[in-house]
Amino acid sequence: MNIKDAAQQIMRVINGGDVSDDNGFILLDYIDATQQAAAFIIKRDFWKDSNATGQTEINYTYLEIFEDVEVKYNEKTDRYYVPLPVDIMALPQDYGVQYVSERQNLTDPYSRTSIGTIGLYSNLPDDISSWFMTNKNIQLVNFDSAVKYLTLGLIPSVPSVIGDDDMLEITQMVKERFLKGKVAEDKINDSNPNS
């Protein structure tokens, strides 16, 4: 389900079926809260799974595919790179980037590496490419300059969809957030002698 539809559904639950902004909140507030709750769940589950099994699995509902991302060249560093089309989720070992691949070949992604190990990949055969992250770019190592576009599988920092399995928990998290604010406001109004 896309974020807007999920936020509208949560808004209806909180308002008892009627979508009203009498409570001081608008749809954008619910969208923001829904995205924050989804991001929390992605990170929590990532850590829980990696601690329990040693595996670093991501719920692929949150994976977004970006095709035809143009490869750029930096003359100063003599390195090819791809600018990130979105901000990615901050996960250890750059797992916000799930794969980097040539457009035609999703089954053979480039290997993930780090700045400390790029020397190893520089001396490998020409058909073994790898990548590492710097700031907002994916730097390419041992890269075939004939390739002009890549496909990226990314976990954006701001999710645009909600996994069906997570909808109930996200609804509860957002509901608690908004109702907590309402309870605090009601207490202030109840203690105000002028009301």
Protein backbone atom coordinates (compact mmCIF):
# COMPACT_ATOMS: atom_id res chain seq x y z
CA MET A 1 0.00 0.00 0.00
CA ASN A 2 1.39 3.43 -0.83
CA ILE A 3 2.15 5.83 2.00
CA LYS A 4 -0.65 8.29 1.20
CA ASP A 5 -3.33 5.56 1.21
CA ALA A 6 -1.91 4.09 4.42
CA ALA A 7 -1.86 7.52 6.10
CA GLN A 8 -5.46 8.19 5.04
CA GLN A 9 -6.54 4.84 6.44
CA ILE A 10 -4.75 5.56 9.74
CA MET A 11 -6.30 9.03 9.84
CA ARG A 12 -9.76 7.45 9.52
CA VAL A 13 -9.01 5.00 12.34
CA ILE A 14 -7.86 7.81 14.66
CA ASN A 15 -10.82 10.04 13.80
CA GLY A 16 -13.38 7.25 14.12
CA GLY A 17 -14.15 7.04 10.41
CA ASP A 18 -14.56 10.74 9.67
CA VAL A 19 -11.55 12.42 8.12
CA SER A 20 -11.41 15.76 9.84
CA ASP A 21 -8.69 18.26 10.52
CA ASP A 22 -10.57 19.70 13.51
CA ASN A 23 -7.94 18.08 15.73
CA GLY A 24 -5.26 20.35 14.26
CA PHE A 25 -3.61 17.67 12.11
CA ILE A 26 -3.67 17.42 8.34
CA LEU A 27 -2.95 14.52 6.01
CA LEU A 28 0.72 15.57 5.68
CA ASP A 29 1.15 15.10 9.45
CA TYR A 30 -0.18 11.54 9.14
CA ILE A 31 2.00 10.83 6.09
CA ASP A 32 5.09 12.01 7.98
CA ALA A 33 4.23 9.93 11.04
CA THR A 34 3.52 6.87 8.88
CA GLN A 35 6.87 7.19 7.10
CA GLN A 36 8.70 7.56 10.41
CA ALA A 37 6.98 4.48 11.83
CA ALA A 38 7.83 2.44 8.70
CA ALA A 39 11.47 3.56 8.85
CA PHE A 40 11.62 2.58 12.54
CA ILE A 41 10.27 -0.90 11.74
CA ILE A 42 12.73 -1.42 8.86
CA LYS A 43 15.70 -0.51 11.08
CA ARG A 44 14.44 -2.47 14.08
CA ASP A 45 13.82 -5.62 12.03
CA PHE A 46 17.19 -5.27 10.32
CA TRP A 47 18.97 -5.19 13.69
CA LYS A 48 16.79 -7.95 15.16
CA ASP A 49 17.40 -10.28 12.21
CA SER A 50 21.13 -9.56 12.01
CA ASN A 51 21.57 -10.11 15.76
CA ALA A 52 19.52 -13.32 15.80
CA THR A 53 20.78 -15.01 12.63
CA GLY A 54 23.82 -13.06 11.51
CA GLN A 55 21.97 -12.46 8.21
CA THR A 56 21.20 -8.97 6.99
CA GLU A 57 17.78 -9.39 5.43
CA ILE A 58 15.51 -6.50 4.46
CA ASN A 59 11.77 -6.69 3.90
CA TYR A 60 11.83 -6.28 0.13
CA THR A 61 8.48 -4.49 0.16
CA TYR A 62 10.59 -1.43 1.01
CA LEU A 63 13.10 -1.99 -1.79
CA GLU A 64 12.78 0.49 -4.65
CA ILE A 65 14.28 -0.13 -8.08
CA PHE A 66 15.83 2.76 -9.98
CA GLU A 67 16.57 1.91 -13.60
CA ASP A 68 18.65 3.78 -16.15
CA VAL A 69 20.68 5.72 -13.58
CA GLU A 70 23.38 7.48 -15.57
CA VAL A 71 27.01 6.70 -14.78
CA LYS A 72 29.21 9.79 -14.33
CA TYR A 73 32.97 10.23 -14.50
CA ASN A 74 35.14 12.30 -12.14
CA GLU A 75 38.33 13.39 -13.90
CA LYS A 76 40.04 14.45 -10.65
CA THR A 77 39.73 11.01 -9.06
CA ASP A 78 39.72 9.07 -12.35
CA ARG A 79 36.70 7.17 -11.07
CA TYR A 80 33.23 6.36 -12.37
CA TYR A 81 30.31 6.89 -10.02
CA VAL A 82 26.53 6.97 -9.82
CA PRO A 83 24.77 9.72 -7.84
CA LEU A 84 22.09 8.37 -5.52
CA PRO A 85 18.63 9.29 -6.87
CA VAL A 86 17.20 9.37 -3.29
CA ASP A 87 18.51 9.54 0.26
CA ILE A 88 18.99 6.00 1.48
CA MET A 89 18.21 4.53 4.87
CA ALA A 90 21.16 4.71 7.24
CA LEU A 91 21.97 1.05 7.86
CA PRO A 92 25.32 -0.53 8.75
CA GLN A 93 27.67 -1.43 5.91
CA ASP A 94 25.63 0.71 3.51
CA TYR A 95 22.79 -1.84 3.37
CA GLY A 96 20.48 0.98 2.27
CA VAL A 97 21.96 0.05 -1.11
CA GLN A 98 20.86 -3.52 -1.80
CA TYR A 99 22.36 -3.94 -5.24
CA VAL A 100 24.11 -2.21 -8.09
CA SER A 101 23.88 -3.90 -11.46
CA GLU A 102 24.12 -3.37 -15.18
CA ARG A 103 20.72 -2.58 -16.57
CA GLN A 104 20.48 -5.78 -18.59
CA ASN A 105 21.70 -8.12 -15.87
CA LEU A 106 20.00 -8.01 -12.46
CA THR A 107 21.17 -11.54 -11.69
CA ASP A 108 24.82 -10.53 -11.57
CA PRO A 109 25.14 -7.52 -9.25
CA TYR A 110 28.42 -5.78 -8.58
CA SER A 111 30.19 -6.74 -5.36
CA ARG A 112 30.00 -4.50 -2.30
CA THR A 113 33.40 -3.37 -1.04
CA SER A 114 34.82 -0.67 1.21
CA ILE A 115 37.38 2.08 0.73
CA GLY A 116 39.93 -0.01 2.63
CA THR A 117 39.65 -2.95 0.23
CA ILE A 118 39.34 -1.25 -3.17
CA GLY A 119 42.96 -2.14 -3.97
CA LEU A 120 41.98 -5.82 -4.02
CA TYR A 121 39.30 -5.21 -6.64
CA SER A 122 41.51 -2.97 -8.76
CA ASN A 123 43.76 -5.93 -9.52
CA LEU A 124 41.02 -8.45 -10.33
CA PRO A 125 39.99 -9.48 -13.85
CA ASP A 126 38.08 -6.85 -15.83
CA ASP A 127 34.74 -8.63 -15.55
CA ILE A 128 34.57 -8.30 -11.73
CA SER A 129 33.24 -4.87 -10.79
CA SER A 130 32.52 -3.61 -7.30
CA TRP A 131 31.21 -0.51 -5.55
CA PHE A 132 31.49 1.46 -2.32
CA MET A 133 29.66 4.45 -0.85
CA THR A 134 30.88 8.01 -0.43
CA ASN A 135 28.48 10.68 0.77
CA LYS A 136 25.71 10.76 -1.90
CA ASN A 137 27.47 8.65 -4.55
CA ILE A 138 28.13 5.03 -5.36
CA GLN A 139 31.76 4.81 -6.45
CA LEU A 140 32.56 2.11 -9.01
CA VAL A 141 35.74 0.03 -8.98
CA ASN A 142 37.15 -1.97 -11.89
CA PHE A 143 34.31 -0.59 -13.98
CA ASP A 144 33.72 -1.05 -17.72
CA SER A 145 33.41 2.47 -19.11
CA ALA A 146 31.28 1.16 -22.00
CA VAL A 147 28.41 0.77 -19.52
CA LYS A 148 26.46 4.04 -19.44
CA TYR A 149 23.51 3.20 -17.15
CA LEU A 150 23.02 1.07 -14.04
CA THR A 151 20.08 -0.27 -12.08
CA LEU A 152 20.04 0.34 -8.34
CA GLY A 153 18.05 -1.43 -5.63
CA LEU A 154 17.73 1.01 -2.74
CA ILE A 155 15.96 1.28 0.61
CA PRO A 156 14.98 4.98 0.70
CA SER A 157 15.21 6.82 4.02
CA VAL A 158 11.61 7.93 3.46
CA PRO A 159 9.55 4.86 2.48
CA SER A 160 6.92 5.36 -0.21
CA VAL A 161 5.10 2.08 0.48
CA ILE A 162 4.01 0.11 3.54
CA GLY A 163 4.28 -3.66 3.82
CA ASP A 164 0.91 -5.30 4.50
CA ASP A 165 2.49 -7.27 7.36
CA ASP A 166 3.53 -4.00 9.03
CA MET A 167 0.28 -2.04 8.59
CA LEU A 168 -1.28 -3.01 11.91
CA GLU A 169 1.84 -2.15 13.91
CA ILE A 170 2.35 1.12 12.04
CA THR A 171 -1.28 2.07 12.64
CA GLN A 172 -0.83 1.43 16.36
CA MET A 173 2.40 3.46 16.50
CA VAL A 174 0.88 6.45 14.69
CA LYS A 175 -2.32 6.22 16.74
CA GLU A 176 -0.34 6.30 20.00
CA ARG A 177 1.66 9.27 18.78
CA PHE A 178 -1.38 11.37 17.88
CA LEU A 179 -3.52 10.31 20.83
CA LYS A 180 -0.66 11.03 23.24
CA GLY A 181 -0.59 14.61 21.94
CA LYS A 182 -4.38 14.85 22.31
CA VAL A 183 -4.30 13.54 25.91
CA ALA A 184 -1.60 16.09 26.84
CA GLU A 185 -3.64 18.89 25.22
CA ASP A 186 -6.80 17.77 27.05
CA LYS A 187 -4.94 17.81 30.40
CA ILE A 188 -3.76 21.37 29.75
CA ASN A 189 -7.30 22.46 28.86
CA ASP A 190 -8.80 20.68 31.92
CA SER A 191 -6.38 22.44 34.28
CA ASN A 192 -6.98 25.85 32.72
CA PRO A 193 -9.47 27.77 34.91
CA ASN A 194 -10.44 29.96 31.95
CA SER A 195 -11.77 27.07 29.86
